Amino acid sequence: MILDPEAVARAVDARHWGVVDGRLESIVSTGTFLAGLDLVVEVARVAEELGHHPDVLLAYPTVRLTSVSHDEGGLTARDIALARALSALLDDRDLEAGPPRTA
């Protein structure tokens, strides 16, 4: 079931996530390319456990995470669960992250 983007935004950690163009997005500051790669591996592990996979863009010195339920055509409870799990990972690693800035 597709959820209202505003409800999704309220259900996730606003320090890390924002809803942009119907997707949950976060930009994580990793400091180094290798730290970013390490984060991507951990994100993949979490995604596999949940059976829901974000789009990931690794670039120095950030990792951009984007989640949407492609099969449903919008945001679902799976996106919320993934965002919450990834927020916990970011907090455990003491990484700064936030939603993309909009103009």
PDB file of N, CA and C in Angstrom:
ATOM      1  N   MET A   1       0.835  -1.177   0.000  1.00  0.00           N
ATOM      2  CA  MET A   1       0.000   0.000   0.000  1.00  0.00           C
ATOM      3  C   MET A   1       0.890   1.253   0.000  1.00  0.00           C
ATOM      4  N   ILE A   2       0.625   2.150  -0.904  1.00  0.00           N
ATOM      5  CA  ILE A   2       1.375   3.400  -0.988  1.00  0.00           C
ATOM      6  C   ILE A   2       0.929   4.332   0.138  1.00  0.00           C
ATOM      7  N   LEU A   3       1.925   4.939   0.789  1.00  0.00           N
ATOM      8  CA  LEU A   3       1.666   5.829   1.914  1.00  0.00           C
ATOM      9  C   LEU A   3       1.827   7.293   1.505  1.00  0.00           C
ATOM     10  N   ASP A   4       1.165   8.149   2.244  1.00  0.00           N
ATOM     11  CA  ASP A   4       1.269   9.584   2.034  1.00  0.00           C
ATOM     12  C   ASP A   4       2.694  10.040   2.361  1.00  0.00           C
ATOM     13  N   PRO A   5       3.351  10.785   1.467  1.00  0.00           N
ATOM     14  CA  PRO A   5       4.728  11.224   1.714  1.00  0.00           C
ATOM     15  C   PRO A   5       4.907  11.985   3.031  1.00  0.00           C
ATOM     16  N   GLU A   6       3.931  12.781   3.426  1.00  0.00           N
ATOM     17  CA  GLU A   6       4.043  13.518   4.691  1.00  0.00           C
ATOM     18  C   GLU A   6       4.025  12.566   5.884  1.00  0.00           C
ATOM     19  N   ALA A   7       3.220  11.528   5.805  1.00  0.00           N
ATOM     20  CA  ALA A   7       3.173  10.532   6.885  1.00  0.00           C
ATOM     21  C   ALA A   7       4.495   9.774   6.949  1.00  0.00           C
ATOM     22  N   VAL A   8       5.068   9.479   5.804  1.00  0.00           N
ATOM     23  CA  VAL A   8       6.361   8.794   5.763  1.00  0.00           C
ATOM     24  C   VAL A   8       7.430   9.682   6.388  1.00  0.00           C
ATOM     25  N   ALA A   9       7.424  10.952   6.028  1.00  0.00           N
ATOM     26  CA  ALA A   9       8.414  11.891   6.575  1.00  0.00           C
ATOM     27  C   ALA A   9       8.318  11.953   8.099  1.00  0.00           C
ATOM     28  N   ARG A  10       7.109  11.885   8.644  1.00  0.00           N
ATOM     29  CA  ARG A  10       6.928  11.913  10.105  1.00  0.00           C
ATOM     30  C   ARG A  10       7.371  10.597  10.760  1.00  0.00           C
ATOM     31  N   ALA A  11       7.380   9.516   9.996  1.00  0.00           N
ATOM     32  CA  ALA A  11       7.668   8.187  10.552  1.00  0.00           C
ATOM     33  C   ALA A  11       9.154   7.839  10.579  1.00  0.00           C
ATOM     34  N   VAL A  12       9.974   8.656   9.926  1.00  0.00           N
ATOM     35  CA  VAL A  12      11.415   8.377   9.881  1.00  0.00           C
ATOM     36  C   VAL A  12      12.183   9.477  10.608  1.00  0.00           C
ATOM     37  N   ASP A  13      13.453   9.226  10.841  1.00  0.00           N
ATOM     38  CA  ASP A  13      14.314  10.169  11.553  1.00  0.00           C
ATOM     39  C   ASP A  13      14.645  11.350  10.639  1.00  0.00           C
ATOM     40  N   ALA A  14      14.103  12.510  10.964  1.00  0.00           N
ATOM     41  CA  ALA A  14      14.300  13.706  10.132  1.00  0.00           C
ATOM     42  C   ALA A  14      15.749  14.175  10.115  1.00  0.00           C
ATOM     43  N   ARG A  15      16.553  13.728  11.092  1.00  0.00           N
ATOM     44  CA  ARG A  15      17.988  14.070  11.045  1.00  0.00           C
ATOM     45  C   ARG A  15      18.653  13.430   9.841  1.00  0.00           C
ATOM     46  N   HIS A  16      18.130  12.285   9.428  1.00  0.00           N
ATOM     47  CA  HIS A  16      18.770  11.511   8.368  1.00  0.00           C
ATOM     48  C   HIS A  16      18.025  11.522   7.040  1.00  0.00           C
ATOM     49  N   TRP A  17      16.712  11.615   7.072  1.00  0.00           N
ATOM     50  CA  TRP A  17      15.898  11.371   5.885  1.00  0.00           C
ATOM     51  C   TRP A  17      14.974  12.526   5.548  1.00  0.00           C
ATOM     52  N   GLY A  18      14.715  12.658   4.259  1.00  0.00           N
ATOM     53  CA  GLY A  18      13.706  13.576   3.770  1.00  0.00           C
ATOM     54  C   GLY A  18      13.002  12.932   2.603  1.00  0.00           C
ATOM     55  N   VAL A  19      11.790  13.381   2.326  1.00  0.00           N
ATOM     56  CA  VAL A  19      11.055  12.898   1.160  1.00  0.00           C
ATOM     57  C   VAL A  19      11.270  13.906   0.047  1.00  0.00           C
ATOM     58  N   VAL A  20      11.848  13.437  -1.045  1.00  0.00           N
ATOM     59  CA  VAL A  20      12.143  14.281  -2.201  1.00  0.00           C
ATOM     60  C   VAL A  20      11.602  13.577  -3.436  1.00  0.00           C
ATOM     61  N   ASP A  21      10.709  14.246  -4.153  1.00  0.00           N
ATOM     62  CA  ASP A  21      10.124  13.682  -5.375  1.00  0.00           C
ATOM     63  C   ASP A  21       9.579  12.273  -5.153  1.00  0.00           C
ATOM     64  N   GLY A  22       8.917  12.062  -4.024  1.00  0.00           N
ATOM     65  CA  GLY A  22       8.276  10.791  -3.754  1.00  0.00           C
ATOM     66  C   GLY A  22       9.197   9.667  -3.324  1.00  0.00           C
ATOM     67  N   ARG A  23      10.414  10.018  -2.924  1.00  0.00           N
ATOM     68  CA  ARG A  23      11.384   9.023  -2.469  1.00  0.00           C
ATOM     69  C   ARG A  23      11.977   9.480  -1.139  1.00  0.00           C
ATOM     70  N   LEU A  24      12.361   8.520  -0.301  1.00  0.00           N
ATOM     71  CA  LEU A  24      13.134   8.841   0.887  1.00  0.00           C
ATOM     72  C   LEU A  24      14.585   8.987   0.471  1.00  0.00           C
ATOM     73  N   GLU A  25      15.233  10.060   0.917  1.00  0.00           N
ATOM     74  CA  GLU A  25      16.631  10.275   0.555  1.00  0.00           C
ATOM     75  C   GLU A  25      17.443  10.720   1.755  1.00  0.00           C
ATOM     76  N   SER A  26      18.709  10.296   1.752  1.00  0.00           N
ATOM     77  CA  SER A  26      19.662  10.695   2.777  1.00  0.00           C
ATOM     78  C   SER A  26      21.033  10.819   2.129  1.00  0.00           C
ATOM     79  N   ILE A  27      21.768  11.834   2.555  1.00  0.00           N
ATOM     80  CA  ILE A  27      23.158  11.975   2.122  1.00  0.00           C
ATOM     81  C   ILE A  27      24.020  11.825   3.362  1.00  0.00           C
ATOM     82  N   VAL A  28      24.902  10.833   3.323  1.00  0.00           N
ATOM     83  CA  VAL A  28      25.736  10.498   4.471  1.00  0.00           C
ATOM     84  C   VAL A  28      27.152  10.996   4.218  1.00  0.00           C
ATOM     85  N   SER A  29      27.682  11.753   5.161  1.00  0.00           N
ATOM     86  CA  SER A  29      29.071  12.206   5.076  1.00  0.00           C
ATOM     87  C   SER A  29      29.961  11.106   5.635  1.00  0.00           C
ATOM     88  N   THR A  30      30.814  10.556   4.780  1.00  0.00           N
ATOM     89  CA  THR A  30      31.677   9.457   5.211  1.00  0.00           C
ATOM     90  C   THR A  30      33.123   9.888   5.402  1.00  0.00           C
ATOM     91  N   GLY A  31      33.516  11.004   4.831  1.00  0.00           N
ATOM     92  CA  GLY A  31      34.870  11.515   5.019  1.00  0.00           C
ATOM     93  C   GLY A  31      35.878  10.970   4.038  1.00  0.00           C
ATOM     94  N   THR A  32      35.800   9.670   3.777  1.00  0.00           N
ATOM     95  CA  THR A  32      36.734   9.062   2.823  1.00  0.00           C
ATOM     96  C   THR A  32      35.967   8.123   1.901  1.00  0.00           C
ATOM     97  N   PHE A  33      36.549   7.844   0.769  1.00  0.00           N
ATOM     98  CA  PHE A  33      35.939   6.922  -0.177  1.00  0.00           C
ATOM     99  C   PHE A  33      35.854   5.522   0.426  1.00  0.00           C
ATOM    100  N   LEU A  34      36.906   5.105   1.124  1.00  0.00           N
ATOM    101  CA  LEU A  34      36.914   3.775   1.726  1.00  0.00           C
ATOM    102  C   LEU A  34      35.871   3.631   2.824  1.00  0.00           C
ATOM    103  N   ALA A  35      35.691   4.663   3.623  1.00  0.00           N
ATOM    104  CA  ALA A  35      34.648   4.627   4.648  1.00  0.00           C
ATOM    105  C   ALA A  35      33.271   4.547   3.983  1.00  0.00           C
ATOM    106  N   GLY A  36      33.123   5.225   2.862  1.00  0.00           N
ATOM    107  CA  GLY A  36      31.876   5.155   2.106  1.00  0.00           C
ATOM    108  C   GLY A  36      31.623   3.751   1.586  1.00  0.00           C
ATOM    109  N   LEU A  37      32.660   3.133   1.062  1.00  0.00           N
ATOM    110  CA  LEU A  37      32.526   1.768   0.558  1.00  0.00           C
ATOM    111  C   LEU A  37      32.149   0.807   1.681  1.00  0.00           C
ATOM    112  N   ASP A  38      32.774   0.983   2.831  1.00  0.00           N
ATOM    113  CA  ASP A  38      32.458   0.154   3.989  1.00  0.00           C
ATOM    114  C   ASP A  38      30.993   0.332   4.383  1.00  0.00           C
ATOM    115  N   LEU A  39      30.511   1.570   4.359  1.00  0.00           N
ATOM    116  CA  LEU A  39      29.111   1.830   4.666  1.00  0.00           C
ATOM    117  C   LEU A  39      28.198   1.143   3.659  1.00  0.00           C
ATOM    118  N   VAL A  40      28.539   1.214   2.390  1.00  0.00           N
ATOM    119  CA  VAL A  40      27.722   0.584   1.351  1.00  0.00           C
ATOM    120  C   VAL A  40      27.584  -0.915   1.611  1.00  0.00           C
ATOM    121  N   VAL A  41      28.664  -1.560   2.023  1.00  0.00           N
ATOM    122  CA  VAL A  41      28.608  -2.991   2.337  1.00  0.00           C
ATOM    123  C   VAL A  41      27.645  -3.244   3.496  1.00  0.00           C
ATOM    124  N   GLU A  42      27.696  -2.409   4.519  1.00  0.00           N
ATOM    125  CA  GLU A  42      26.789  -2.569   5.656  1.00  0.00           C
ATOM    126  C   GLU A  42      25.343  -2.288   5.267  1.00  0.00           C
ATOM    127  N   VAL A  43      25.127  -1.289   4.420  1.00  0.00           N
ATOM    128  CA  VAL A  43      23.781  -0.994   3.928  1.00  0.00           C
ATOM    129  C   VAL A  43      23.243  -2.205   3.167  1.00  0.00           C
ATOM    130  N   ALA A  44      24.089  -2.821   2.350  1.00  0.00           N
ATOM    131  CA  ALA A  44      23.672  -4.004   1.596  1.00  0.00           C
ATOM    132  C   ALA A  44      23.277  -5.140   2.530  1.00  0.00           C
ATOM    133  N   ARG A  45      24.025  -5.320   3.610  1.00  0.00           N
ATOM    134  CA  ARG A  45      23.706  -6.369   4.576  1.00  0.00           C
ATOM    135  C   ARG A  45      22.328  -6.131   5.193  1.00  0.00           C
ATOM    136  N   VAL A  46      22.078  -4.900   5.624  1.00  0.00           N
ATOM    137  CA  VAL A  46      20.787  -4.554   6.222  1.00  0.00           C
ATOM    138  C   VAL A  46      19.661  -4.740   5.204  1.00  0.00           C
ATOM    139  N   ALA A  47      19.893  -4.291   3.987  1.00  0.00           N
ATOM    140  CA  ALA A  47      18.883  -4.401   2.933  1.00  0.00           C
ATOM    141  C   ALA A  47      18.537  -5.862   2.648  1.00  0.00           C
ATOM    142  N   GLU A  48      19.541  -6.711   2.623  1.00  0.00           N
ATOM    143  CA  GLU A  48      19.294  -8.134   2.392  1.00  0.00           C
ATOM    144  C   GLU A  48      18.467  -8.730   3.523  1.00  0.00           C
ATOM    145  N   GLU A  49      18.773  -8.348   4.764  1.00  0.00           N
ATOM    146  CA  GLU A  49      18.007  -8.845   5.910  1.00  0.00           C
ATOM    147  C   GLU A  49      16.540  -8.447   5.816  1.00  0.00           C
ATOM    148  N   LEU A  50      16.291  -7.234   5.328  1.00  0.00           N
ATOM    149  CA  LEU A  50      14.921  -6.732   5.236  1.00  0.00           C
ATOM    150  C   LEU A  50      14.234  -7.086   3.917  1.00  0.00           C
ATOM    151  N   GLY A  51      15.002  -7.525   2.939  1.00  0.00           N
ATOM    152  CA  GLY A  51      14.418  -7.843   1.639  1.00  0.00           C
ATOM    153  C   GLY A  51      13.921  -6.618   0.895  1.00  0.00           C
ATOM    154  N   HIS A  52      14.538  -5.488   1.159  1.00  0.00           N
ATOM    155  CA  HIS A  52      14.171  -4.229   0.485  1.00  0.00           C
ATOM    156  C   HIS A  52      15.448  -3.439   0.268  1.00  0.00           C
ATOM    157  N   HIS A  53      15.691  -3.013  -0.946  1.00  0.00           N
ATOM    158  CA  HIS A  53      17.008  -2.499  -1.320  1.00  0.00           C
ATOM    159  C   HIS A  53      16.950  -1.050  -1.801  1.00  0.00           C
ATOM    160  N   PRO A  54      17.771  -0.193  -1.196  1.00  0.00           N
ATOM    161  CA  PRO A  54      17.811   1.208  -1.633  1.00  0.00           C
ATOM    162  C   PRO A  54      18.688   1.353  -2.865  1.00  0.00           C
ATOM    163  N   ASP A  55      18.516   2.461  -3.547  1.00  0.00           N
ATOM    164  CA  ASP A  55      19.499   2.861  -4.553  1.00  0.00           C
ATOM    165  C   ASP A  55      20.630   3.532  -3.781  1.00  0.00           C
ATOM    166  N   VAL A  56      21.861   3.229  -4.169  1.00  0.00           N
ATOM    167  CA  VAL A  56      23.037   3.720  -3.450  1.00  0.00           C
ATOM    168  C   VAL A  56      23.985   4.372  -4.444  1.00  0.00           C
ATOM    169  N   LEU A  57      24.428   5.582  -4.119  1.00  0.00           N
ATOM    170  CA  LEU A  57      25.421   6.275  -4.934  1.00  0.00           C
ATOM    171  C   LEU A  57      26.622   6.576  -4.053  1.00  0.00           C
ATOM    172  N   LEU A  58      27.730   5.915  -4.348  1.00  0.00           N
ATOM    173  CA  LEU A  58      28.978   6.114  -3.613  1.00  0.00           C
ATOM    174  C   LEU A  58      29.811   7.147  -4.350  1.00  0.00           C
ATOM    175  N   ALA A  59      30.150   8.217  -3.661  1.00  0.00           N
ATOM    176  CA  ALA A  59      30.987   9.269  -4.233  1.00  0.00           C
ATOM    177  C   ALA A  59      31.794   9.892  -3.096  1.00  0.00           C
ATOM    178  N   TYR A  60      32.990  10.293  -3.374  1.00  0.00           N
ATOM    179  CA  TYR A  60      33.802  10.929  -2.349  1.00  0.00           C
ATOM    180  C   TYR A  60      33.240  12.307  -2.053  1.00  0.00           C
ATOM    181  N   PRO A  61      32.997  12.673  -0.829  1.00  0.00           N
ATOM    182  CA  PRO A  61      33.083  11.946   0.440  1.00  0.00           C
ATOM    183  C   PRO A  61      31.713  11.594   1.008  1.00  0.00           C
ATOM    184  N   THR A  62      30.769  11.222   0.156  1.00  0.00           N
ATOM    185  CA  THR A  62      29.413  10.944   0.629  1.00  0.00           C
ATOM    186  C   THR A  62      28.864   9.652   0.017  1.00  0.00           C
ATOM    187  N   VAL A  63      27.792   9.186   0.646  1.00  0.00           N
ATOM    188  CA  VAL A  63      26.970   8.112   0.094  1.00  0.00           C
ATOM    189  C   VAL A  63      25.538   8.630   0.095  1.00  0.00           C
ATOM    190  N   ARG A  64      24.896   8.564  -1.062  1.00  0.00           N
ATOM    191  CA  ARG A  64      23.489   8.969  -1.168  1.00  0.00           C
ATOM    192  C   ARG A  64      22.640   7.711  -1.175  1.00  0.00           C
ATOM    193  N   LEU A  65      21.646   7.683  -0.277  1.00  0.00           N
ATOM    194  CA  LEU A  65      20.729   6.563  -0.158  1.00  0.00           C
ATOM    195  C   LEU A  65      19.343   7.029  -0.577  1.00  0.00           C
ATOM    196  N   THR A  66      18.694   6.262  -1.430  1.00  0.00           N
ATOM    197  CA  THR A  66      17.356   6.592  -1.899  1.00  0.00           C
ATOM    198  C   THR A  66      16.491   5.339  -1.800  1.00  0.00           C
ATOM    199  N   SER A  67      15.312   5.487  -1.220  1.00  0.00           N
ATOM    200  CA  SER A  67      14.420   4.341  -1.077  1.00  0.00           C
ATOM    201  C   SER A  67      13.028   4.670  -1.578  1.00  0.00           C
ATOM    202  N   VAL A  68      12.497   3.764  -2.382  1.00  0.00           N
ATOM    203  CA  VAL A  68      11.119   3.803  -2.853  1.00  0.00           C
ATOM    204  C   VAL A  68      10.752   2.372  -3.227  1.00  0.00           C
ATOM    205  N   SER A  69       9.513   2.023  -3.048  1.00  0.00           N
ATOM    206  CA  SER A  69       9.063   0.679  -3.425  1.00  0.00           C
ATOM    207  C   SER A  69       8.689   0.713  -4.901  1.00  0.00           C
ATOM    208  N   HIS A  70       9.651   0.372  -5.753  1.00  0.00           N
ATOM    209  CA  HIS A  70       9.453   0.447  -7.205  1.00  0.00           C
ATOM    210  C   HIS A  70       8.248  -0.389  -7.643  1.00  0.00           C
ATOM    211  N   ASP A  71       8.088  -1.562  -7.033  1.00  0.00           N
ATOM    212  CA  ASP A  71       6.999  -2.453  -7.439  1.00  0.00           C
ATOM    213  C   ASP A  71       5.625  -1.896  -7.087  1.00  0.00           C
ATOM    214  N   GLU A  72       5.570  -0.991  -6.096  1.00  0.00           N
ATOM    215  CA  GLU A  72       4.304  -0.382  -5.695  1.00  0.00           C
ATOM    216  C   GLU A  72       4.110   0.992  -6.329  1.00  0.00           C
ATOM    217  N   GLY A  73       5.189   1.586  -6.811  1.00  0.00           N
ATOM    218  CA  GLY A  73       5.102   2.902  -7.416  1.00  0.00           C
ATOM    219  C   GLY A  73       5.054   4.039  -6.417  1.00  0.00           C
ATOM    220  N   GLY A  74       5.634   3.833  -5.230  1.00  0.00           N
ATOM    221  CA  GLY A  74       5.641   4.888  -4.223  1.00  0.00           C
ATOM    222  C   GLY A  74       6.246   4.398  -2.926  1.00  0.00           C
ATOM    223  N   LEU A  75       6.055   5.175  -1.890  1.00  0.00           N
ATOM    224  CA  LEU A  75       6.593   4.854  -0.568  1.00  0.00           C
ATOM    225  C   LEU A  75       5.645   3.922   0.187  1.00  0.00           C
ATOM    226  N   THR A  76       6.238   2.919   0.839  1.00  0.00           N
ATOM    227  CA  THR A  76       5.457   1.939   1.587  1.00  0.00           C
ATOM    228  C   THR A  76       6.089   1.729   2.964  1.00  0.00           C
ATOM    229  N   ALA A  77       5.479   0.866   3.737  1.00  0.00           N
ATOM    230  CA  ALA A  77       6.010   0.520   5.056  1.00  0.00           C
ATOM    231  C   ALA A  77       7.403  -0.080   4.947  1.00  0.00           C
ATOM    232  N   ARG A  78       7.719  -0.723   3.826  1.00  0.00           N
ATOM    233  CA  ARG A  78       9.068  -1.276   3.641  1.00  0.00           C
ATOM    234  C   ARG A  78      10.116  -0.177   3.613  1.00  0.00           C
ATOM    235  N   ASP A  79       9.778   0.953   3.021  1.00  0.00           N
ATOM    236  CA  ASP A  79      10.720   2.075   2.975  1.00  0.00           C
ATOM    237  C   ASP A  79      10.939   2.656   4.365  1.00  0.00           C
ATOM    238  N   ILE A  80       9.881   2.727   5.144  1.00  0.00           N
ATOM    239  CA  ILE A  80      10.008   3.212   6.523  1.00  0.00           C
ATOM    240  C   ILE A  80      10.891   2.266   7.331  1.00  0.00           C
ATOM    241  N   ALA A  81      10.640   0.981   7.220  1.00  0.00           N
ATOM    242  CA  ALA A  81      11.434  -0.001   7.968  1.00  0.00           C
ATOM    243  C   ALA A  81      12.905   0.070   7.576  1.00  0.00           C
ATOM    244  N   LEU A  82      13.178   0.207   6.294  1.00  0.00           N
ATOM    245  CA  LEU A  82      14.562   0.313   5.836  1.00  0.00           C
ATOM    246  C   LEU A  82      15.204   1.589   6.364  1.00  0.00           C
ATOM    247  N   ALA A  83      14.503   2.709   6.271  1.00  0.00           N
ATOM    248  CA  ALA A  83      15.051   3.978   6.750  1.00  0.00           C
ATOM    249  C   ALA A  83      15.347   3.917   8.245  1.00  0.00           C
ATOM    250  N   ARG A  84      14.468   3.314   9.006  1.00  0.00           N
ATOM    251  CA  ARG A  84      14.696   3.200  10.453  1.00  0.00           C
ATOM    252  C   ARG A  84      15.920   2.337  10.752  1.00  0.00           C
ATOM    253  N   ALA A  85      16.046   1.222  10.041  1.00  0.00           N
ATOM    254  CA  ALA A  85      17.200   0.338  10.248  1.00  0.00           C
ATOM    255  C   ALA A  85      18.496   1.033   9.846  1.00  0.00           C
ATOM    256  N   LEU A  86      18.459   1.779   8.752  1.00  0.00           N
ATOM    257  CA  LEU A  86      19.667   2.473   8.311  1.00  0.00           C
ATOM    258  C   LEU A  86      19.991   3.646   9.230  1.00  0.00           C
ATOM    259  N   SER A  87      18.995   4.292   9.794  1.00  0.00           N
ATOM    260  CA  SER A  87      19.259   5.349  10.781  1.00  0.00           C
ATOM    261  C   SER A  87      19.988   4.768  11.986  1.00  0.00           C
ATOM    262  N   ALA A  88      19.573   3.605  12.428  1.00  0.00           N
ATOM    263  CA  ALA A  88      20.255   2.952  13.552  1.00  0.00           C
ATOM    264  C   ALA A  88      21.703   2.645  13.190  1.00  0.00           C
ATOM    265  N   LEU A  89      21.937   2.185  11.969  1.00  0.00           N
ATOM    266  CA  LEU A  89      23.302   1.915  11.501  1.00  0.00           C
ATOM    267  C   LEU A  89      24.131   3.198  11.495  1.00  0.00           C
ATOM    268  N   LEU A  90      23.568   4.282  10.996  1.00  0.00           N
ATOM    269  CA  LEU A  90      24.282   5.553  10.947  1.00  0.00           C
ATOM    270  C   LEU A  90      24.609   6.044  12.352  1.00  0.00           C
ATOM    271  N   ASP A  91      23.659   5.905  13.264  1.00  0.00           N
ATOM    272  CA  ASP A  91      23.911   6.313  14.649  1.00  0.00           C
ATOM    273  C   ASP A  91      24.991   5.444  15.287  1.00  0.00           C
ATOM    274  N   ASP A  92      24.940   4.135  15.038  1.00  0.00           N
ATOM    275  CA  ASP A  92      25.961   3.226  15.590  1.00  0.00           C
ATOM    276  C   ASP A  92      27.354   3.593  15.101  1.00  0.00           C
ATOM    277  N   ARG A  93      27.442   4.054  13.868  1.00  0.00           N
ATOM    278  CA  ARG A  93      28.733   4.417  13.279  1.00  0.00           C
ATOM    279  C   ARG A  93      29.078   5.881  13.513  1.00  0.00           C
ATOM    280  N   ASP A  94      28.179   6.612  14.182  1.00  0.00           N
ATOM    281  CA  ASP A  94      28.385   8.030  14.472  1.00  0.00           C
ATOM    282  C   ASP A  94      28.638   8.840  13.197  1.00  0.00           C
ATOM    283  N   LEU A  95      27.853   8.547  12.166  1.00  0.00           N
ATOM    284  CA  LEU A  95      27.979   9.248  10.884  1.00  0.00           C
ATOM    285  C   LEU A  95      26.939  10.348  10.789  1.00  0.00           C
ATOM    286  N   GLU A  96      27.341  11.464  10.223  1.00  0.00           N
ATOM    287  CA  GLU A  96      26.403  12.558   9.981  1.00  0.00           C
ATOM    288  C   GLU A  96      25.694  12.303   8.655  1.00  0.00           C
ATOM    289  N   ALA A  97      24.392  12.516   8.685  1.00  0.00           N
ATOM    290  CA  ALA A  97      23.594  12.317   7.487  1.00  0.00           C
ATOM    291  C   ALA A  97      22.434  13.284   7.540  1.00  0.00           C
ATOM    292  N   GLY A  98      21.895  13.556   6.382  1.00  0.00           N
ATOM    293  CA  GLY A  98      20.732  14.427   6.330  1.00  0.00           C
ATOM    294  C   GLY A  98      20.075  14.347   4.991  1.00  0.00           C
ATOM    295  N   PRO A  99      18.859  14.837   4.942  1.00  0.00           N
ATOM    296  CA  PRO A  99      18.166  14.861   3.654  1.00  0.00           C
ATOM    297  C   PRO A  99      18.836  15.846   2.712  1.00  0.00           C
ATOM    298  N   PRO A 100      18.689  15.629   1.416  1.00  0.00           N
ATOM    299  CA  PRO A 100      19.249  16.596   0.462  1.00  0.00           C
ATOM    300  C   PRO A 100      18.617  17.964   0.662  1.00  0.00           C
ATOM    301  N   ARG A 101      19.382  18.982   0.431  1.00  0.00           N
ATOM    302  CA  ARG A 101      18.843  20.340   0.527  1.00  0.00           C
ATOM    303  C   ARG A 101      18.025  20.619  -0.727  1.00  0.00           C
ATOM    304  N   THR A 102      16.905  21.258  -0.526  1.00  0.00           N
ATOM    305  CA  THR A 102      16.071  21.644  -1.668  1.00  0.00           C
ATOM    306  C   THR A 102      16.114  23.155  -1.815  1.00  0.00           C
ATOM    307  N   ALA A 103      16.013  23.589  -3.034  1.00  0.00           N
ATOM    308  CA  ALA A 103      16.089  25.030  -3.312  1.00  0.00           C
ATOM    309  C   ALA A 103      14.789  25.719  -3.022  1.00  0.00           C
TER     310      ALA A 103
END
